[in-house]
């Protein structure tokens, strides 16, 4: 039996401007990460990066969404050269926050 599809949603407090991105049939997202835009002016000013397993093609895809508009088409889709396993975890850190 193929895995169910999954979605990412946003529920901003107080505004009612919800958003939903459905990754499609048999496509399951793992752990979405928020990456703020440099010099962001509000809390959803940035991108949602999500590794998606596509059971239809048995491959992974990094899907980049505009955080303030999850209903829109992805900003980018990146196809890594190999399958990314379930349970993959990652963080996005600004270069300025790294120390040597």
Protein backbone atom coordinates (compact mmCIF):
# COMPACT_ATOMS: atom_id res chain seq x y z
CA UNK A 1 0.00 0.00 0.00
CA UNK A 2 1.51 3.39 -0.98
CA UNK A 3 1.99 6.01 1.73
CA UNK A 4 -0.63 8.71 2.08
CA UNK A 5 0.12 12.21 0.91
CA UNK A 6 1.03 14.97 3.34
CA UNK A 7 0.69 18.72 3.57
CA UNK A 8 2.24 21.73 5.27
CA UNK A 9 -0.07 24.27 6.87
CA UNK A 10 0.22 27.65 8.54
CA UNK A 11 -2.10 28.98 11.20
CA UNK A 12 -1.06 32.53 12.11
CA UNK A 13 -2.49 33.67 15.41
CA UNK A 14 -4.99 36.50 15.15
CA UNK A 15 -5.05 37.00 11.37
CA UNK A 16 -7.02 34.04 10.07
CA UNK A 17 -4.79 33.94 6.96
CA UNK A 18 -4.28 30.20 6.92
CA UNK A 19 -2.35 28.46 4.16
CA UNK A 20 -1.95 24.89 2.96
CA UNK A 21 0.43 23.21 0.56
CA UNK A 22 -0.44 19.66 -0.52
CA UNK A 23 2.64 17.84 -1.80
CA UNK A 24 0.55 15.51 -3.97
CA UNK A 25 -0.49 11.86 -4.04
CA UNK A 26 1.97 9.41 -2.51
CA UNK A 27 4.34 12.28 -1.61
CA UNK A 28 5.22 12.57 2.07
CA UNK A 29 7.11 15.46 3.63
CA UNK A 30 9.53 14.93 6.45
CA UNK A 31 10.54 17.77 8.78
CA UNK A 32 9.92 21.20 7.21
CA UNK A 33 12.35 23.95 8.22
CA UNK A 34 11.73 27.70 8.18
CA UNK A 35 14.53 29.83 6.73
CA UNK A 36 14.08 33.57 7.38
CA UNK A 37 14.76 35.99 4.55
CA UNK A 38 17.77 38.22 5.31
CA UNK A 39 16.48 41.39 7.00
CA UNK A 40 13.01 39.83 7.42
CA UNK A 41 10.32 42.29 8.52
CA UNK A 42 7.72 39.83 9.86
CA UNK A 43 7.64 36.31 11.28
CA UNK A 44 6.65 34.58 8.02
CA UNK A 45 9.09 36.52 5.82
CA UNK A 46 11.12 33.64 4.43
CA UNK A 47 10.84 30.14 3.04
CA UNK A 48 9.73 26.69 4.11
CA UNK A 49 12.17 23.99 2.99
CA UNK A 50 10.85 20.48 3.04
CA UNK A 51 12.35 17.20 1.91
CA UNK A 52 9.60 15.18 0.26
CA UNK A 53 9.69 11.46 -0.48
CA UNK A 54 7.91 10.71 -3.75
CA UNK A 55 6.74 7.08 -3.59
CA UNK A 56 5.56 7.33 -7.22
CA UNK A 57 9.13 7.83 -8.47
CA UNK A 58 11.01 6.46 -5.41
CA UNK A 59 13.07 9.63 -5.10
CA UNK A 60 13.47 12.65 -2.87
CA UNK A 61 12.82 16.26 -3.67
CA UNK A 62 13.60 19.44 -1.73
CA UNK A 63 10.56 21.69 -2.07
CA UNK A 64 10.98 25.42 -1.34
CA UNK A 65 7.80 27.31 -0.46
CA UNK A 66 7.15 30.99 0.22
CA UNK A 67 6.27 30.88 3.94
CA UNK A 68 3.71 33.68 3.69
CA UNK A 69 1.87 32.00 0.79
CA UNK A 70 1.75 28.22 1.13
CA UNK A 71 -1.12 28.10 -1.37
CA UNK A 72 1.23 29.27 -4.17
CA UNK A 73 3.30 26.96 -6.35
CA UNK A 74 6.77 26.11 -5.00
CA UNK A 75 9.49 28.71 -5.47
CA UNK A 76 11.91 25.90 -6.34
CA UNK A 77 12.19 22.12 -6.53
CA UNK A 78 15.60 20.48 -6.11
CA UNK A 79 16.22 16.85 -7.00
CA UNK A 80 19.16 15.40 -5.04
CA UNK A 81 21.23 12.73 -6.81
CA UNK A 82 20.08 10.01 -4.39
CA UNK A 83 17.20 9.05 -2.15
CA UNK A 84 17.01 10.89 1.17
CA UNK A 85 15.99 8.41 3.89
CA UNK A 86 12.96 8.85 6.14
CA UNK A 87 14.01 10.36 9.45
CA UNK A 88 16.36 12.87 7.81
CA UNK A 89 16.87 15.91 10.05
CA UNK A 90 18.51 19.19 9.20
CA UNK A 91 18.87 22.78 10.28
CA UNK A 92 19.55 25.93 8.33
CA UNK A 93 22.05 28.29 9.91
CA UNK A 94 23.05 31.73 8.68
CA UNK A 95 26.75 31.88 7.76
CA UNK A 96 27.11 34.85 10.13
CA UNK A 97 26.00 32.65 13.05
CA UNK A 98 28.77 30.09 12.50
CA UNK A 99 32.02 30.42 14.40
CA UNK A 100 35.33 28.84 13.56
